[in-house]
Amino acid sequence: MPHDADRDTYLVLNDFGRLGRAWCEADEEGTDRETLIRRFLADQFSHPVRIVAFNTAEGWSRDVTVDIADELRRRSIDVYRRAADYARQRGILIADTKFEWGKLPDTPIEPG
């Protein structure tokens, strides 16, 4: 077994509407948890319906949809709080409750 075979792998099931559902294609380096989180934050999945994780060396698989959603929610709230603190220190009140991710061109998203 290759030395890096004992690792958790994450895959996303995406809903393509009338075309059906399919597991999103991913290269080996793009299936770890942090890369998956970055891809979600970069809006690379149009309609994700399920996320599974598995580790063939350890012999397990499970649905991690709720775990990933909770992590994305936690990171989003953390970014919002940091932005609100930054704004408050400058006398700006952020009153909008809608939060959207965005990024500058050619700038990677680095989640907290």
Protein backbone atom coordinates (compact mmCIF):
# COMPACT_ATOMS: atom_id res chain seq x y z
CA MET A 1 0.00 0.00 0.00
CA PRO A 2 1.41 3.45 -0.88
CA HIS A 3 2.48 5.49 2.14
CA ASP A 4 -0.23 8.12 1.57
CA ALA A 5 -3.06 5.62 0.97
CA ASP A 6 -4.12 5.81 4.62
CA ARG A 7 -5.94 9.13 4.38
CA ASP A 8 -9.51 10.34 4.44
CA THR A 9 -11.04 11.05 1.03
CA TYR A 10 -14.04 13.37 0.51
CA LEU A 11 -16.40 13.30 -2.49
CA VAL A 12 -19.41 15.48 -3.36
CA LEU A 13 -22.66 14.33 -4.97
CA ASN A 14 -24.01 17.19 -7.09
CA ASP A 15 -27.57 17.55 -8.42
CA PHE A 16 -27.66 18.57 -12.09
CA GLY A 17 -31.44 18.91 -12.24
CA ARG A 18 -33.05 17.09 -15.15
CA LEU A 19 -29.66 15.62 -16.03
CA GLY A 20 -29.55 13.76 -12.72
CA ARG A 21 -26.98 13.48 -9.97
CA ALA A 22 -23.29 12.65 -10.24
CA TRP A 23 -20.23 12.45 -8.03
CA CYS A 24 -18.00 15.40 -8.83
CA GLU A 25 -14.74 14.57 -10.53
CA ALA A 26 -11.69 15.19 -8.38
CA ASP A 27 -7.99 14.54 -8.65
CA GLU A 28 -6.28 12.70 -5.81
CA GLU A 29 -4.79 15.87 -4.32
CA GLY A 30 -8.21 17.55 -4.29
CA THR A 31 -10.07 15.11 -2.08
CA ASP A 32 -8.85 16.08 1.39
CA ARG A 33 -11.05 17.98 3.85
CA GLU A 34 -9.31 21.38 3.61
CA THR A 35 -9.36 21.38 -0.20
CA LEU A 36 -13.04 20.44 -0.13
CA ILE A 37 -13.76 23.35 2.25
CA ARG A 38 -11.83 25.75 -0.01
CA ARG A 39 -13.78 24.54 -3.05
CA PHE A 40 -17.06 25.11 -1.26
CA LEU A 41 -15.99 28.61 -0.25
CA ALA A 42 -15.01 29.29 -3.88
CA ASP A 43 -18.51 28.14 -4.96
CA GLN A 44 -17.26 25.27 -7.11
CA PHE A 45 -20.31 23.07 -6.45
CA SER A 46 -23.60 24.23 -7.96
CA HIS A 47 -26.09 22.05 -6.05
CA PRO A 48 -24.36 19.70 -3.59
CA VAL A 49 -26.71 17.18 -2.02
CA ARG A 50 -24.37 14.83 -0.16
CA ILE A 51 -20.75 14.58 0.92
CA VAL A 52 -19.18 11.28 1.82
CA ALA A 53 -15.81 10.55 3.35
CA PHE A 54 -14.00 7.25 3.31
CA ASN A 55 -10.68 5.68 4.17
CA THR A 56 -9.98 2.39 2.42
CA ALA A 57 -6.96 1.57 4.57
CA GLU A 58 -9.06 1.85 7.72
CA GLY A 59 -12.12 0.30 6.07
CA TRP A 60 -14.80 2.92 6.75
CA SER A 61 -17.08 5.35 4.93
CA ARG A 62 -19.77 7.73 6.15
CA ASP A 63 -22.00 10.64 5.20
CA VAL A 64 -20.28 13.85 6.38
CA THR A 65 -22.71 16.35 4.84
CA VAL A 66 -23.79 17.80 8.19
CA ASP A 67 -20.20 17.90 9.49
CA ILE A 68 -19.00 19.89 6.46
CA ALA A 69 -22.04 22.20 6.57
CA ASP A 70 -21.35 22.90 10.25
CA GLU A 71 -17.68 23.66 9.48
CA LEU A 72 -18.64 26.03 6.64
CA ARG A 73 -21.17 27.75 8.91
CA ARG A 74 -18.59 28.10 11.70
CA ARG A 75 -15.98 29.58 9.38
CA SER A 76 -18.48 31.92 7.75
CA ILE A 77 -19.65 33.26 11.11
CA ASP A 78 -16.03 33.68 12.21
CA VAL A 79 -15.20 35.73 9.10
CA TYR A 80 -18.34 37.83 9.58
CA ARG A 81 -17.45 38.51 13.23
CA ARG A 82 -13.91 39.52 12.32
CA ALA A 83 -15.25 41.84 9.61
CA ALA A 84 -17.81 43.32 12.02
CA ASP A 85 -15.10 43.93 14.63
CA TYR A 86 -12.88 45.55 12.01
CA ALA A 87 -15.75 47.79 10.86
CA ARG A 88 -16.84 48.64 14.44
CA GLN A 89 -13.31 49.87 15.27
CA ARG A 90 -13.70 52.31 12.39
CA GLY A 91 -17.17 53.50 13.35
CA ILE A 92 -19.00 51.42 10.73
CA LEU A 93 -22.05 49.38 11.61
CA ILE A 94 -22.66 46.26 9.53
CA ALA A 95 -26.42 45.73 9.58
CA ASP A 96 -26.86 43.34 6.66
CA THR A 97 -27.64 39.78 7.70
CA LYS A 98 -26.83 38.30 4.29
CA PHE A 99 -23.28 37.09 3.93
CA GLU A 100 -21.70 36.29 0.56
CA TRP A 101 -18.25 35.00 -0.27
CA GLY A 102 -16.19 36.81 -2.83
CA LYS A 103 -12.59 37.12 -3.85
CA LEU A 104 -10.29 39.20 -5.97
CA PRO A 105 -9.15 37.67 -9.27
CA ASP A 106 -6.14 35.36 -8.89
CA THR A 107 -6.36 35.53 -5.10
CA PRO A 108 -6.86 32.22 -3.29
CA ILE A 109 -9.45 31.97 -0.55
CA GLU A 110 -7.75 31.09 2.69
CA PRO A 111 -10.41 29.98 5.19
CA GLY A 112 -9.76 30.44 8.89
